[in-house]
């Protein structure tokens, strides 16, 4: 896990959060020097699919661009980990929606398997 106040190309990032129950995670990341914040919550719902695991990520992430007074809300995809007993690999599926609260613009991406 990242250390508290890790320094990287984005400036100083301060992670805060962690598991709030057995399957719900709340998170908050910020970079004051870049004036960016990320907050969100995720409820993971795993399903075993034979040689794969599907994890539905129920929740949303909000990215705040403080300099522009903009917030973008993202829903989360389903994660599929395939070939779990040999060489695992990951696929993303489902619908991801993005909405700008300020302008009302929105987008959608859908992956089908």
Protein backbone atom coordinates (compact mmCIF):
# COMPACT_ATOMS: atom_id res chain seq x y z
CA UNK A 1 0.00 0.00 0.00
CA UNK A 2 1.12 3.59 -0.59
CA UNK A 3 2.75 5.26 2.36
CA UNK A 4 1.16 8.26 4.02
CA UNK A 5 2.03 11.44 2.08
CA UNK A 6 3.84 9.57 -0.72
CA UNK A 7 5.77 11.81 -3.12
CA UNK A 8 5.38 11.08 -6.85
CA UNK A 9 4.86 12.82 -10.22
CA UNK A 10 1.51 14.19 -9.00
CA UNK A 11 3.09 15.98 -6.06
CA UNK A 12 2.34 15.00 -2.48
CA UNK A 13 -0.55 12.53 -2.30
CA UNK A 14 -2.22 11.92 1.04
CA UNK A 15 -4.22 8.66 1.12
CA UNK A 16 -6.92 8.39 3.76
CA UNK A 17 -9.44 5.61 4.19
CA UNK A 18 -9.64 1.90 4.18
CA UNK A 19 -12.14 -0.84 4.80
CA UNK A 20 -15.26 0.41 6.56
CA UNK A 21 -16.82 -3.06 6.75
CA UNK A 22 -15.95 -6.51 5.43
CA UNK A 23 -16.79 -5.69 1.79
CA UNK A 24 -17.15 -1.88 1.64
CA UNK A 25 -14.17 0.41 1.19
CA UNK A 26 -14.25 4.18 1.54
CA UNK A 27 -11.36 6.20 0.17
CA UNK A 28 -10.04 9.73 -0.06
CA UNK A 29 -6.88 10.79 -1.90
CA UNK A 30 -5.75 14.34 -2.37
CA UNK A 31 -2.90 16.27 -3.89
CA UNK A 32 -3.05 19.81 -2.47
CA UNK A 33 -0.27 21.02 -4.77
CA UNK A 34 -2.23 19.87 -7.85
CA UNK A 35 -5.59 20.84 -6.29
CA UNK A 36 -7.11 17.43 -7.02
CA UNK A 37 -9.17 15.21 -4.73
CA UNK A 38 -10.55 11.71 -5.22
CA UNK A 39 -13.23 10.32 -2.92
CA UNK A 40 -15.39 7.28 -3.23
CA UNK A 41 -16.87 4.13 -1.89
CA UNK A 42 -16.81 0.61 -3.28
CA UNK A 43 -18.81 -2.44 -2.32
CA UNK A 44 -17.32 -5.57 -3.85
CA UNK A 45 -19.53 -8.54 -4.71
CA UNK A 46 -17.37 -11.50 -5.78
CA UNK A 47 -18.70 -14.48 -7.74
CA UNK A 48 -16.75 -17.63 -8.49
CA UNK A 49 -17.11 -18.68 -12.13
CA UNK A 50 -15.14 -21.92 -12.38
CA UNK A 51 -11.65 -20.92 -13.54
CA UNK A 52 -12.46 -17.23 -13.05
CA UNK A 53 -13.66 -14.78 -10.43
CA UNK A 54 -16.00 -11.92 -11.26
CA UNK A 55 -16.12 -8.98 -8.86
CA UNK A 56 -18.94 -6.49 -9.28
CA UNK A 57 -17.81 -3.11 -7.96
CA UNK A 58 -20.88 -1.27 -6.71
CA UNK A 59 -20.20 2.34 -5.80
CA UNK A 60 -18.80 5.49 -7.33
CA UNK A 61 -15.69 7.61 -7.44
CA UNK A 62 -15.70 11.42 -7.47
CA UNK A 63 -12.71 13.28 -8.88
CA UNK A 64 -12.67 16.97 -7.92
CA UNK A 65 -10.62 19.44 -9.95
CA UNK A 66 -10.55 22.24 -7.41
CA UNK A 67 -8.87 24.79 -9.69
CA UNK A 68 -11.77 24.51 -12.17
CA UNK A 69 -14.54 23.91 -9.60
CA UNK A 70 -15.48 20.68 -11.42
CA UNK A 71 -16.46 17.26 -10.11
CA UNK A 72 -16.64 14.10 -12.18
CA UNK A 73 -18.59 11.07 -10.92
CA UNK A 74 -17.58 7.62 -12.18
CA UNK A 75 -19.40 4.34 -11.70
CA UNK A 76 -17.20 1.27 -11.60
CA UNK A 77 -16.84 -1.74 -13.93
CA UNK A 78 -17.01 -5.42 -13.12
CA UNK A 79 -13.56 -7.00 -12.81
CA UNK A 80 -12.98 -10.52 -14.13
CA UNK A 81 -9.85 -12.41 -13.08
CA UNK A 82 -9.41 -15.27 -15.55
CA UNK A 83 -7.25 -18.43 -15.32
CA UNK A 84 -6.94 -18.18 -11.56
CA UNK A 85 -5.14 -21.53 -11.25
CA UNK A 86 -2.54 -20.93 -13.97
CA UNK A 87 -1.41 -17.51 -15.26
CA UNK A 88 -4.10 -15.04 -14.11
CA UNK A 89 -5.14 -12.09 -16.25
CA UNK A 90 -7.74 -9.35 -15.76
CA UNK A 91 -10.62 -8.05 -17.88
CA UNK A 92 -13.02 -5.21 -17.18
CA UNK A 93 -16.66 -5.43 -18.20
CA UNK A 94 -20.04 -3.82 -17.80
CA UNK A 95 -21.04 -0.18 -17.97
CA UNK A 96 -19.04 2.77 -16.68
CA UNK A 97 -20.77 6.15 -16.57
CA UNK A 98 -19.05 9.51 -16.17
CA UNK A 99 -20.97 12.67 -15.25
CA UNK A 100 -19.69 16.23 -14.78
CA UNK A 101 -21.80 17.75 -12.00
CA UNK A 102 -21.11 21.34 -13.11
CA UNK A 103 -21.96 21.06 -16.82
CA UNK A 104 -24.23 18.02 -16.74
CA UNK A 105 -22.23 16.43 -19.58
CA UNK A 106 -22.06 12.68 -19.36
CA UNK A 107 -20.49 9.72 -21.09
CA UNK A 108 -20.88 5.97 -21.01
CA UNK A 109 -18.65 3.05 -21.90
CA UNK A 110 -19.88 -0.52 -22.17
CA UNK A 111 -17.84 -3.70 -22.53
CA UNK A 112 -19.58 -7.00 -23.24
CA UNK A 113 -18.17 -10.48 -22.85
